[in-house]
Amino acid sequence: MTDRSDRSFSGPDEEIMQATYRALREHGYADLTIKRIAEEYGKSTAAIHYHYDTKEALLVAFLDYLLERFVDSIHEVETTDPDERLNLLLDELLVAPKENRDLSVALLEMRSQAPYKEAFSDRFQQNDEYIRYMIKAVINHGIDEGEFEDVDAEHVTHALMTIVDGARTRSVVLGEGELETAREAASEYVDAMLR
């Protein structure tokens, strides 16, 4: 697994990340500018450039920020029960995005830039590796505890991530009903493979 960024977000960085979040939701990736982020931030573009030299550097930091928030949300889960934990992970991946459709659209736009922007590619790959690591760890824990069938955890994780990735893309293109369908499909797959 690739190590997460060691960057810490506090003070101005946190405020800029929140402003970037709002600007991305409102304008999308294609129409995002430092000026629009600065307007959301309530300060000048120079204040943004003091912290980030370019829009790309800011967006790379934003991807780190999103991963950090995702990791924090997973670490807040208090249960160690593998079944409950897997369900909560799948909810985080397939139910929570409904609340932020505009952000999902912007992130898909950013993903489309990954083949051309190595820093984006690195961050999306890091995010994917972390999520796969978490799912696989939960499955292996469930196998060790006797709650799940003794399966190839890597294979099951890969299949679940295929459902998640496909659903995220389809939900942006076709609507949020795709996330609900994928969540049901993921549950059916987990039942068939692990129980």
Protein backbone atom coordinates (compact mmCIF):
# COMPACT_ATOMS: atom_id res chain seq x y z
CA MET A 1 0.00 0.00 0.00
CA THR A 2 1.24 3.46 -0.84
CA ASP A 3 1.74 5.68 2.19
CA ARG A 4 -0.71 8.49 2.62
CA SER A 5 0.52 12.02 2.32
CA ASP A 6 1.96 13.28 5.58
CA ARG A 7 0.45 16.69 4.94
CA SER A 8 -1.63 18.13 7.76
CA PHE A 9 -4.51 20.51 7.06
CA SER A 10 -5.17 23.22 9.58
CA GLY A 11 -5.73 26.97 9.67
CA PRO A 12 -5.46 28.56 6.22
CA ASP A 13 -4.93 25.23 4.46
CA GLU A 14 -8.20 23.90 5.91
CA GLU A 15 -10.04 27.07 4.88
CA ILE A 16 -8.61 26.91 1.35
CA MET A 17 -9.59 23.25 1.07
CA GLN A 18 -13.15 24.09 2.14
CA ALA A 19 -13.22 26.94 -0.39
CA THR A 20 -11.93 24.58 -3.09
CA TYR A 21 -14.62 22.08 -2.16
CA ARG A 22 -17.36 24.71 -2.51
CA ALA A 23 -15.94 26.09 -5.77
CA LEU A 24 -15.62 22.61 -7.30
CA ARG A 25 -19.18 21.76 -6.36
CA GLU A 26 -20.46 25.00 -7.86
CA HIS A 27 -18.30 25.29 -10.99
CA GLY A 28 -16.92 21.81 -11.66
CA TYR A 29 -13.35 21.07 -12.62
CA ALA A 30 -13.50 22.55 -16.12
CA ASP A 31 -14.63 25.99 -14.91
CA LEU A 32 -12.60 26.06 -11.70
CA THR A 33 -10.18 28.97 -11.35
CA ILE A 34 -8.01 30.29 -8.55
CA LYS A 35 -10.17 33.42 -8.67
CA ARG A 36 -13.32 31.39 -7.98
CA ILE A 37 -11.61 29.57 -5.13
CA ALA A 38 -10.42 32.92 -3.74
CA GLU A 39 -13.99 34.24 -3.88
CA GLU A 40 -15.14 31.26 -1.81
CA TYR A 41 -12.16 31.77 0.50
CA GLY A 42 -13.05 35.44 0.93
CA LYS A 43 -9.52 36.60 0.17
CA SER A 44 -7.43 37.55 -2.84
CA THR A 45 -5.89 35.17 -5.36
CA ALA A 46 -2.52 36.22 -3.91
CA ALA A 47 -3.58 34.68 -0.60
CA ILE A 48 -4.18 31.37 -2.39
CA HIS A 49 -0.90 31.63 -4.31
CA TYR A 50 0.95 32.25 -1.07
CA HIS A 51 0.13 28.64 -0.14
CA TYR A 52 -0.11 27.01 -3.59
CA ASP A 53 1.94 28.01 -6.64
CA THR A 54 -0.49 26.63 -9.21
CA LYS A 55 -4.06 25.42 -9.52
CA GLU A 56 -2.72 21.91 -10.10
CA ALA A 57 -0.71 22.03 -6.86
CA LEU A 58 -3.83 23.18 -5.03
CA LEU A 59 -5.92 20.39 -6.52
CA VAL A 60 -3.30 17.77 -5.66
CA ALA A 61 -3.45 19.03 -2.08
CA PHE A 62 -7.24 18.88 -2.30
CA LEU A 63 -7.10 15.21 -3.31
CA ASP A 64 -4.84 14.58 -0.29
CA TYR A 65 -7.39 16.42 1.84
CA LEU A 66 -10.26 14.27 0.56
CA LEU A 67 -8.31 11.09 1.26
CA GLU A 68 -7.51 12.31 4.76
CA ARG A 69 -11.20 13.02 5.40
CA PHE A 70 -12.17 9.59 4.08
CA VAL A 71 -9.56 7.91 6.29
CA ASP A 72 -10.80 9.91 9.29
CA SER A 73 -14.39 8.82 8.63
CA ILE A 74 -13.28 5.17 8.50
CA HIS A 75 -11.25 5.51 11.70
CA GLU A 76 -14.28 6.98 13.48
CA VAL A 77 -16.14 3.69 13.02
CA GLU A 78 -16.22 2.17 16.48
CA THR A 79 -17.16 -1.40 15.65
CA THR A 80 -14.58 -4.10 15.07
CA ASP A 81 -17.22 -6.57 13.86
CA PRO A 82 -16.08 -7.46 10.31
CA ASP A 83 -19.62 -7.72 8.88
CA GLU A 84 -20.69 -4.35 10.29
CA ARG A 85 -17.40 -2.75 9.29
CA LEU A 86 -17.67 -3.99 5.71
CA ASN A 87 -21.23 -2.71 5.49
CA LEU A 88 -20.15 0.69 6.80
CA LEU A 89 -17.29 0.84 4.29
CA LEU A 90 -19.65 0.02 1.43
CA ASP A 91 -22.10 2.65 2.68
CA GLU A 92 -19.29 5.21 2.76
CA LEU A 93 -18.35 4.32 -0.81
CA LEU A 94 -21.82 3.90 -2.33
CA VAL A 95 -24.33 5.77 -0.17
CA ALA A 96 -22.43 8.85 1.03
CA PRO A 97 -21.63 10.12 -2.52
CA LYS A 98 -25.37 10.79 -3.05
CA GLU A 99 -25.04 13.74 -0.69
CA ASN A 100 -22.37 15.39 -2.86
CA ARG A 101 -23.32 14.78 -6.49
CA ASP A 102 -21.65 18.02 -7.67
CA LEU A 103 -18.41 16.95 -6.03
CA SER A 104 -18.71 13.51 -7.63
CA VAL A 105 -19.01 15.17 -11.04
CA ALA A 106 -15.93 17.32 -10.37
CA LEU A 107 -13.92 14.33 -9.17
CA LEU A 108 -14.83 12.36 -12.28
CA GLU A 109 -13.62 15.31 -14.35
CA MET A 110 -10.37 15.27 -12.38
CA ARG A 111 -10.04 11.51 -12.87
CA SER A 112 -10.30 12.06 -16.60
CA GLN A 113 -7.17 14.23 -16.32
CA ALA A 114 -5.16 11.52 -14.53
CA PRO A 115 -3.60 10.12 -17.73
CA TYR A 116 -2.19 13.59 -18.45
CA LYS A 117 -1.37 14.80 -14.93
CA GLU A 118 0.92 12.46 -13.06
CA ALA A 119 0.22 14.07 -9.69
CA PHE A 120 -3.54 13.45 -10.14
CA SER A 121 -2.85 9.88 -11.22
CA ASP A 122 -0.66 9.32 -8.16
CA ARG A 123 -3.33 10.64 -5.78
CA PHE A 124 -6.15 8.63 -7.32
CA GLN A 125 -3.99 5.52 -7.26
CA GLN A 126 -3.09 6.18 -3.62
CA ASN A 127 -6.77 6.58 -2.77
CA ASP A 128 -7.66 3.36 -4.58
CA GLU A 129 -4.85 1.43 -2.88
CA TYR A 130 -5.96 2.64 0.54
CA ILE A 131 -9.59 1.69 -0.03
CA ARG A 132 -8.61 -1.74 -1.37
CA TYR A 133 -6.33 -2.22 1.63
CA MET A 134 -9.18 -1.38 4.03
CA ILE A 135 -11.69 -3.67 2.34
CA LYS A 136 -9.23 -6.55 2.10
CA ALA A 137 -8.22 -6.13 5.77
CA VAL A 138 -11.87 -6.31 6.85
CA ILE A 139 -12.47 -9.40 4.73
CA ASN A 140 -9.34 -11.11 6.08
CA HIS A 141 -10.38 -10.22 9.63
CA GLY A 142 -13.80 -11.73 8.98
CA ILE A 143 -12.20 -14.91 7.62
CA ASP A 144 -9.90 -15.12 10.66
CA GLU A 145 -12.87 -14.67 13.00
CA GLY A 146 -14.89 -17.33 11.20
CA GLU A 147 -17.58 -14.84 10.16
CA PHE A 148 -16.75 -15.01 6.46
CA GLU A 149 -16.06 -17.95 4.19
CA ASP A 150 -12.42 -18.69 3.44
CA VAL A 151 -12.19 -16.89 0.09
CA ASP A 152 -9.53 -15.13 -1.93
CA ALA A 153 -9.82 -11.74 -0.23
CA GLU A 154 -7.90 -10.02 -3.03
CA HIS A 155 -10.38 -11.27 -5.62
CA VAL A 156 -13.44 -10.26 -3.58
CA THR A 157 -11.92 -6.84 -2.91
CA HIS A 158 -11.22 -6.34 -6.61
CA ALA A 159 -14.82 -7.26 -7.51
CA LEU A 160 -16.24 -4.89 -4.89
CA MET A 161 -14.02 -2.06 -6.14
CA THR A 162 -15.23 -2.74 -9.68
CA ILE A 163 -18.80 -2.33 -8.45
CA VAL A 164 -17.87 0.88 -6.59
CA ASP A 165 -15.94 2.45 -9.47
CA GLY A 166 -18.57 1.56 -12.04
CA ALA A 167 -21.35 2.90 -9.84
CA ARG A 168 -19.59 6.21 -9.25
CA THR A 169 -19.15 6.78 -12.97
CA ARG A 170 -22.67 5.63 -13.83
CA SER A 171 -24.20 7.81 -11.11
CA VAL A 172 -22.56 10.91 -12.58
CA VAL A 173 -23.68 10.04 -16.09
CA LEU A 174 -27.06 8.42 -15.42
CA GLY A 175 -28.21 9.62 -12.00
CA GLU A 176 -28.02 8.61 -8.38
CA GLY A 177 -30.27 5.55 -8.75
CA GLU A 178 -27.12 3.84 -9.97
CA LEU A 179 -25.57 4.11 -6.49
CA GLU A 180 -28.57 2.44 -4.89
CA THR A 181 -28.47 -0.37 -7.45
CA ALA A 182 -24.75 -0.83 -6.89
CA ARG A 183 -25.18 -0.89 -3.11
CA GLU A 184 -27.73 -3.69 -3.48
CA ALA A 185 -25.42 -5.52 -5.91
CA ALA A 186 -22.51 -5.18 -3.49
CA SER A 187 -24.64 -6.64 -0.67
CA GLU A 188 -25.75 -9.52 -2.86
CA TYR A 189 -22.14 -10.19 -3.88
CA VAL A 190 -20.96 -10.10 -0.24
CA ASP A 191 -23.76 -12.52 0.73
CA ALA A 192 -22.87 -14.90 -2.10
CA MET A 193 -19.13 -14.83 -1.57
CA LEU A 194 -18.60 -14.32 2.15
CA ARG A 195 -21.59 -15.83 3.94
